[in-house]
Amino acid sequence: MNFFRILPYIAFLILLIGCNFSEEKGDTKKNVLKKAKSKTIEPRSVSKDFKTYWFSGTAEITSYSLMQERYGEIREGTAVNIFVSEDFLPDAQVKANNYSDKNVSVLKLNQMKRFNTGIYPYAIMTSTFNPISEKEHALKITNSVQEWCGQVYMQLNNRDNFEIESHSYFQGEADQKITLPKTYLENELWNLIRINPEELPTGDVMIIPSFEYLRLRHKEIKQHNAFASLKQGDSLTSYTLNYPDLQRQLMVFFNSTFPYEIEKWEEINAADQNDTLRLKTTATKLKRIKIDYWTKNGNEHLGLRDTLKLK
């Protein structure tokens, strides 16, 4: 008789223990997943020389003489690479205005090109943000192209996957939202050269081509197979990407020793499958300076453009 009186209490205890066990098991599973996710991002050791060069409160600005292929002809212009470290908000994925231990230190490349096609000019800018202390893909990439016919804009945010938005005035490209699995990005490799060229992928690699190329050539935004090679010389090292299906080649030449400054690059793209001309785009260094350019915005600083040999 006493057994039947306490039976409900026994059942309640069994149910309570089962719930606690289930919650504990669920929490354990979440923790395991969290730990597994954290293990996928490998930390990167940063040398004293790197910190001295990149955390000095200045940017590295390099101007280039540009010979840009466009519409089957070579156009004379200028290119500028601006490398600088800055604090980055990992969630909003924008530059941080204030210090926080949650900020991520990134190496940013702003690459700008200007050239004319007949009567009208082109202006192209690509910004790429690579984390410095972690071996992770670029956190964000933006690209814009402006010319008299209109403008296009494309942005990638590195979250659980690559989230890409693209906006264009061309029919069939107007407004797109795309999610892609993570893979190498051609744009991020420029920063990787400056951080540690030994991390550059070589051999057969799946890679998303540069945003500039995708927009100028009106290509679908997706990864392609490429063959990558690194050839080290005494003074200059070359990194080459060949995309067989796109008939595209990119060669970047940089100094073989730290801080691995980029001296020139070459790019060949087939206009179509039957293109045998294969005109080459080239950019060759004009001048390089290290400066806090954001404080040099007065008319008295216009002479710095002459220093960089920019019109």
Protein backbone atom coordinates (compact mmCIF):
# COMPACT_ATOMS: atom_id res chain seq x y z
CA MET A 1 0.00 0.00 0.00
CA ASN A 2 2.82 2.37 0.88
CA PHE A 3 4.45 1.58 -2.44
CA PHE A 4 1.43 2.85 -4.38
CA ARG A 5 1.41 6.05 -2.33
CA ILE A 6 4.98 6.92 -3.26
CA LEU A 7 4.74 5.73 -6.87
CA PRO A 8 3.79 9.21 -8.23
CA TYR A 9 6.81 10.72 -6.46
CA ILE A 10 9.11 8.11 -8.01
CA ALA A 11 7.71 8.85 -11.47
CA PHE A 12 8.20 12.58 -10.91
CA LEU A 13 11.83 12.06 -9.88
CA ILE A 14 12.52 9.90 -12.94
CA LEU A 15 10.98 12.57 -15.20
CA LEU A 16 12.98 15.35 -13.52
CA ILE A 17 16.26 13.45 -13.83
CA GLY A 18 15.49 12.68 -17.47
CA CYS A 19 14.81 16.36 -18.25
CA ASN A 20 17.98 17.47 -16.52
CA PHE A 21 19.97 14.83 -18.35
CA SER A 22 18.42 15.92 -21.65
CA GLU A 23 19.26 19.57 -20.99
CA GLU A 24 22.76 18.68 -19.89
CA LYS A 25 23.22 16.55 -22.99
CA GLY A 26 21.90 19.40 -25.16
CA ASP A 27 24.25 21.90 -23.52
CA THR A 28 27.15 19.50 -23.93
CA LYS A 29 26.33 19.09 -27.60
CA LYS A 30 26.22 22.87 -28.05
CA ASN A 31 29.56 23.24 -26.30
CA VAL A 32 31.10 20.52 -28.46
CA LEU A 33 29.83 22.24 -31.60
CA LYS A 34 31.07 25.59 -30.35
CA LYS A 35 34.51 24.15 -29.61
CA ALA A 36 34.60 22.38 -32.97
CA LYS A 37 33.75 25.63 -34.74
CA SER A 38 36.42 27.55 -32.86
CA LYS A 39 39.02 24.94 -33.80
CA THR A 40 38.41 25.51 -37.52
CA ILE A 41 39.98 28.99 -37.31
CA GLU A 42 43.71 28.70 -36.78
CA PRO A 43 45.52 31.52 -34.97
CA ARG A 44 48.35 33.30 -36.79
CA SER A 45 51.55 34.38 -35.08
CA VAL A 46 52.57 37.94 -35.93
CA SER A 47 56.24 38.90 -35.90
CA LYS A 48 57.76 41.95 -34.22
CA ASP A 49 58.75 43.30 -37.65
CA PHE A 50 55.15 42.98 -38.82
CA LYS A 51 53.84 44.92 -35.81
CA THR A 52 56.47 47.63 -36.23
CA TYR A 53 55.63 48.11 -39.92
CA TRP A 54 51.85 47.81 -39.89
CA PHE A 55 50.89 49.15 -36.45
CA SER A 56 52.84 52.40 -36.82
CA GLY A 57 49.82 54.64 -37.42
CA THR A 58 50.58 55.09 -41.12
CA ALA A 59 49.41 53.56 -44.40
CA GLU A 60 51.54 52.27 -47.27
CA ILE A 61 50.56 53.99 -50.51
CA THR A 62 51.93 52.83 -53.85
CA SER A 63 51.12 54.41 -57.21
CA TYR A 64 51.38 52.45 -60.46
CA SER A 65 51.48 53.25 -64.13
CA LEU A 66 48.46 51.37 -65.50
CA MET A 67 47.96 49.97 -68.98
CA GLN A 68 44.40 48.65 -68.81
CA GLU A 69 42.77 46.47 -71.46
CA ARG A 70 39.18 47.48 -72.09
CA TYR A 71 36.96 46.94 -75.16
CA GLY A 72 39.81 45.35 -77.09
CA GLU A 73 42.26 48.24 -76.66
CA ILE A 74 44.91 49.28 -74.13
CA ARG A 75 44.02 52.36 -72.03
CA GLU A 76 46.63 54.40 -70.17
CA GLY A 77 45.81 55.27 -66.57
CA THR A 78 46.92 55.02 -62.95
CA ALA A 79 46.37 52.56 -60.11
CA VAL A 80 46.91 53.04 -56.39
CA ASN A 81 47.24 50.38 -53.68
CA ILE A 82 46.61 51.61 -50.15
CA PHE A 83 47.46 49.07 -47.44
CA VAL A 84 46.68 49.93 -43.82
CA SER A 85 45.81 48.13 -40.59
CA GLU A 86 42.71 49.13 -38.67
CA ASP A 87 40.29 47.96 -35.99
CA PHE A 88 37.22 46.22 -37.37
CA LEU A 89 33.84 45.38 -35.83
CA PRO A 90 33.37 41.63 -36.49
CA ASP A 91 29.55 41.68 -36.36
CA ALA A 92 28.72 44.92 -38.18
CA GLN A 93 31.82 44.38 -40.36
CA VAL A 94 32.79 48.04 -40.54
CA LYS A 95 35.68 50.10 -39.22
CA ALA A 96 35.56 50.57 -35.43
CA ASN A 97 35.54 54.15 -34.16
CA ASN A 98 36.43 53.21 -30.59
CA TYR A 99 38.73 50.67 -28.97
CA SER A 100 37.19 47.43 -27.69
CA ASP A 101 38.64 44.02 -26.87
CA LYS A 102 35.98 42.63 -29.24
CA ASN A 103 37.48 44.46 -32.22
CA VAL A 104 39.35 42.49 -34.86
CA SER A 105 42.60 43.84 -36.28
CA VAL A 106 42.54 43.68 -40.09
CA LEU A 107 44.83 44.51 -42.96
CA LYS A 108 42.84 46.52 -45.48
CA LEU A 109 43.65 47.00 -49.14
CA ASN A 110 41.96 49.80 -51.05
CA GLN A 111 42.86 49.34 -54.71
CA MET A 112 41.85 52.13 -57.08
CA LYS A 113 42.08 52.38 -60.86
CA ARG A 114 41.41 55.33 -63.18
CA PHE A 115 41.55 55.30 -66.98
CA ASN A 116 39.63 56.69 -69.93
CA THR A 117 37.78 54.87 -72.68
CA GLY A 118 37.52 57.49 -75.42
CA ILE A 119 35.48 60.42 -74.18
CA TYR A 120 34.39 58.88 -70.88
CA PRO A 121 36.34 57.83 -67.76
CA TYR A 122 36.34 54.69 -65.62
CA ALA A 123 36.82 54.65 -61.84
CA ILE A 124 37.19 51.28 -60.09
CA MET A 125 37.69 50.67 -56.38
CA THR A 126 37.98 47.41 -54.46
CA SER A 127 38.33 47.15 -50.66
CA THR A 128 39.39 43.91 -48.96
CA PHE A 129 39.61 43.28 -45.21
CA ASN A 130 41.73 40.33 -43.98
CA PRO A 131 42.00 39.38 -40.29
CA ILE A 132 45.59 39.58 -39.08
CA SER A 133 45.68 37.32 -36.03
CA GLU A 134 43.64 34.45 -37.54
CA LYS A 135 44.02 32.32 -40.66
CA GLU A 136 40.55 33.09 -41.88
CA HIS A 137 39.11 34.22 -45.21
CA ALA A 138 38.60 37.92 -45.84
CA LEU A 139 35.87 39.29 -43.57
CA LYS A 140 34.53 41.67 -46.19
CA ILE A 141 35.09 42.70 -49.81
CA THR A 142 33.45 45.58 -51.69
CA ASN A 143 33.82 46.63 -55.30
CA SER A 144 32.37 49.51 -57.28
CA VAL A 145 32.75 50.54 -60.93
CA GLN A 146 31.64 53.96 -62.18
CA GLU A 147 31.57 55.21 -65.75
CA TRP A 148 29.27 57.44 -67.78
CA CYS A 149 26.88 54.60 -68.68
CA GLY A 150 26.18 53.85 -64.99
CA GLN A 151 27.62 52.11 -61.97
CA VAL A 152 27.76 48.68 -60.35
CA TYR A 153 28.38 47.67 -56.74
CA MET A 154 29.16 44.32 -55.16
CA GLN A 155 29.76 43.32 -51.53
CA LEU A 156 30.73 40.11 -49.74
CA ASN A 157 30.30 39.53 -46.02
CA ASN A 158 31.97 36.53 -44.40
CA ARG A 159 29.45 35.04 -41.96
CA ASP A 160 28.37 31.38 -41.66
CA ASN A 161 28.75 31.36 -45.45
CA PHE A 162 29.75 34.01 -47.97
CA GLU A 163 26.81 36.40 -48.28
CA ILE A 164 27.04 38.44 -51.48
CA GLU A 165 24.94 41.33 -52.76
CA SER A 166 25.36 42.75 -56.23
CA HIS A 167 23.66 45.75 -57.84
CA SER A 168 24.01 46.77 -61.47
CA TYR A 169 22.32 48.88 -64.14
CA PHE A 170 22.69 46.02 -66.66
CA GLN A 171 19.69 43.85 -67.54
CA GLY A 172 19.95 40.45 -65.90
CA GLU A 173 22.30 41.71 -63.19
CA ALA A 174 20.13 44.32 -61.48
CA ASP A 175 19.83 43.18 -57.84
CA GLN A 176 21.19 39.85 -56.65
CA LYS A 177 21.58 38.16 -53.28
CA ILE A 178 23.77 35.07 -53.31
CA THR A 179 25.00 32.66 -50.64
CA LEU A 180 28.12 30.64 -51.44
CA PRO A 181 30.17 28.15 -49.43
CA LYS A 182 33.51 29.47 -48.22
CA THR A 183 36.49 29.06 -50.48
CA TYR A 184 39.52 31.09 -51.54
CA LEU A 185 38.90 34.58 -52.89
CA GLU A 186 41.24 36.10 -55.45
CA ASN A 187 40.90 39.50 -53.80
CA GLU A 188 42.05 38.25 -50.40
CA LEU A 189 45.32 36.89 -51.80
CA TRP A 190 46.76 40.40 -52.22
CA ASN A 191 46.55 40.92 -48.45
CA LEU A 192 47.84 37.39 -47.82
CA ILE A 193 50.97 38.27 -49.79
CA ARG A 194 51.60 41.11 -47.36
CA ILE A 195 50.79 39.08 -44.23
CA ASN A 196 52.57 35.82 -45.06
CA PRO A 197 53.11 34.65 -48.67
CA GLU A 198 53.82 31.12 -47.40
CA GLU A 199 50.06 30.82 -46.76
CA LEU A 200 49.22 31.41 -50.42
CA PRO A 201 47.42 28.39 -51.93
CA THR A 202 49.30 26.52 -54.65
CA GLY A 203 48.36 23.75 -57.05
CA ASP A 204 44.74 23.13 -58.02
CA VAL A 205 42.46 25.39 -56.03
CA MET A 206 38.80 26.43 -56.13
CA ILE A 207 38.63 30.20 -56.06
CA ILE A 208 36.19 33.07 -56.63
CA PRO A 209 37.78 35.45 -59.20
CA SER A 210 38.31 39.13 -58.47
CA PHE A 211 35.15 41.18 -58.14
CA GLU A 212 36.49 43.66 -60.69
CA TYR A 213 36.85 40.88 -63.26
CA LEU A 214 33.40 39.43 -62.54
CA ARG A 215 31.69 42.80 -63.03
CA LEU A 216 33.66 44.06 -66.05
CA ARG A 217 33.23 40.71 -67.82
CA HIS A 218 29.64 40.15 -66.62
CA LYS A 219 30.45 36.70 -65.28
CA GLU A 220 28.32 34.61 -62.95
CA ILE A 221 29.39 35.00 -59.33
CA LYS A 222 30.76 31.59 -58.41
CA GLN A 223 33.97 29.68 -57.74
CA HIS A 224 36.19 28.37 -60.53
CA ASN A 225 39.04 25.91 -60.72
CA ALA A 226 42.45 27.54 -61.01
CA PHE A 227 46.06 26.46 -60.89
CA ALA A 228 48.23 28.56 -58.58
CA SER A 229 52.02 28.69 -58.50
CA LEU A 230 54.60 30.54 -56.43
CA LYS A 231 58.06 31.19 -57.89
CA GLN A 232 60.58 32.75 -55.51
CA GLY A 233 63.53 34.74 -56.82
CA ASP A 234 66.40 36.49 -55.11
CA SER A 235 64.72 39.89 -55.23
CA LEU A 236 61.23 39.33 -56.66
CA THR A 237 58.73 36.53 -56.13
CA SER A 238 55.85 35.91 -58.54
CA TYR A 239 52.46 34.43 -57.76
CA THR A 240 50.41 33.21 -60.71
CA LEU A 241 46.77 32.19 -61.04
CA ASN A 242 45.54 30.44 -64.19
CA TYR A 243 41.80 29.84 -64.73
CA PRO A 244 41.49 27.36 -67.66
CA ASP A 245 37.72 27.69 -68.17
CA LEU A 246 37.84 31.52 -68.01
CA GLN A 247 41.05 31.79 -70.05
CA ARG A 248 42.29 34.22 -67.43
CA GLN A 249 45.74 34.69 -65.91
CA LEU A 250 46.90 36.94 -63.08
CA MET A 251 50.57 37.41 -62.11
CA VAL A 252 51.57 39.44 -59.04
CA PHE A 253 55.24 40.32 -58.48
CA PHE A 254 56.37 41.23 -54.97
CA ASN A 255 59.60 41.66 -53.03
CA SER A 256 60.92 38.36 -51.69
CA THR A 257 61.61 39.73 -48.21
CA PHE A 258 59.37 41.40 -45.63
CA PRO A 259 57.31 43.55 -45.97
CA TYR A 260 56.72 41.90 -49.38
CA GLU A 261 55.84 45.10 -51.25
CA ILE A 262 53.94 44.59 -54.52
CA GLU A 263 56.03 45.97 -57.38
CA LYS A 264 53.85 45.16 -60.39
CA TRP A 265 51.15 42.86 -61.73
CA GLU A 266 49.91 41.54 -65.08
CA GLU A 267 46.51 40.28 -66.15
CA ILE A 268 45.37 38.56 -69.34
CA ASN A 269 41.71 37.85 -70.10
CA ALA A 270 40.21 36.38 -73.22
CA ALA A 271 37.37 38.51 -74.58
CA ASP A 272 35.71 35.32 -75.85
CA GLN A 273 36.55 31.70 -76.64
CA ASN A 274 38.01 32.67 -80.03
CA ASP A 275 40.08 35.60 -78.77
CA THR A 276 43.65 35.10 -80.00
CA LEU A 277 44.80 38.68 -79.38
CA ARG A 278 44.87 38.37 -75.56
CA LEU A 279 45.78 41.95 -74.68
CA LYS A 280 47.67 42.31 -71.40
CA THR A 281 46.83 44.66 -68.54
CA THR A 282 49.93 45.78 -66.63
CA ALA A 283 50.60 47.92 -63.57
CA THR A 284 54.17 49.01 -62.74
CA LYS A 285 55.26 50.84 -59.61
CA LEU A 286 55.79 54.58 -59.81
CA LYS A 287 56.30 55.65 -56.18
CA ARG A 288 55.73 54.34 -52.66
CA ILE A 289 55.32 56.32 -49.41
CA LYS A 290 54.32 55.56 -45.81
CA ILE A 291 52.08 58.30 -44.45
CA ASP A 292 48.98 59.05 -42.35
CA TYR A 293 47.17 60.27 -45.45
CA TRP A 294 43.86 60.86 -43.65
CA THR A 295 45.43 63.90 -41.92
CA LYS A 296 46.73 65.29 -45.23
CA ASN A 297 43.46 66.61 -46.67
CA GLY A 298 44.23 70.34 -46.98
CA ASN A 299 45.08 72.24 -50.13
CA GLU A 300 48.63 72.56 -48.82
CA HIS A 301 48.95 68.77 -49.16
CA LEU A 302 48.23 68.64 -52.91
CA GLY A 303 51.95 68.40 -53.56
CA LEU A 304 51.91 64.87 -52.15
CA ARG A 305 50.10 63.82 -55.32
CA ASP A 306 53.10 65.02 -57.29
CA THR A 307 55.28 62.90 -55.00
CA LEU A 308 53.16 59.87 -55.96
CA LYS A 309 53.23 60.99 -59.63
CA LEU A 310 49.46 61.21 -59.69
CA LYS A 311 47.65 63.82 -61.79
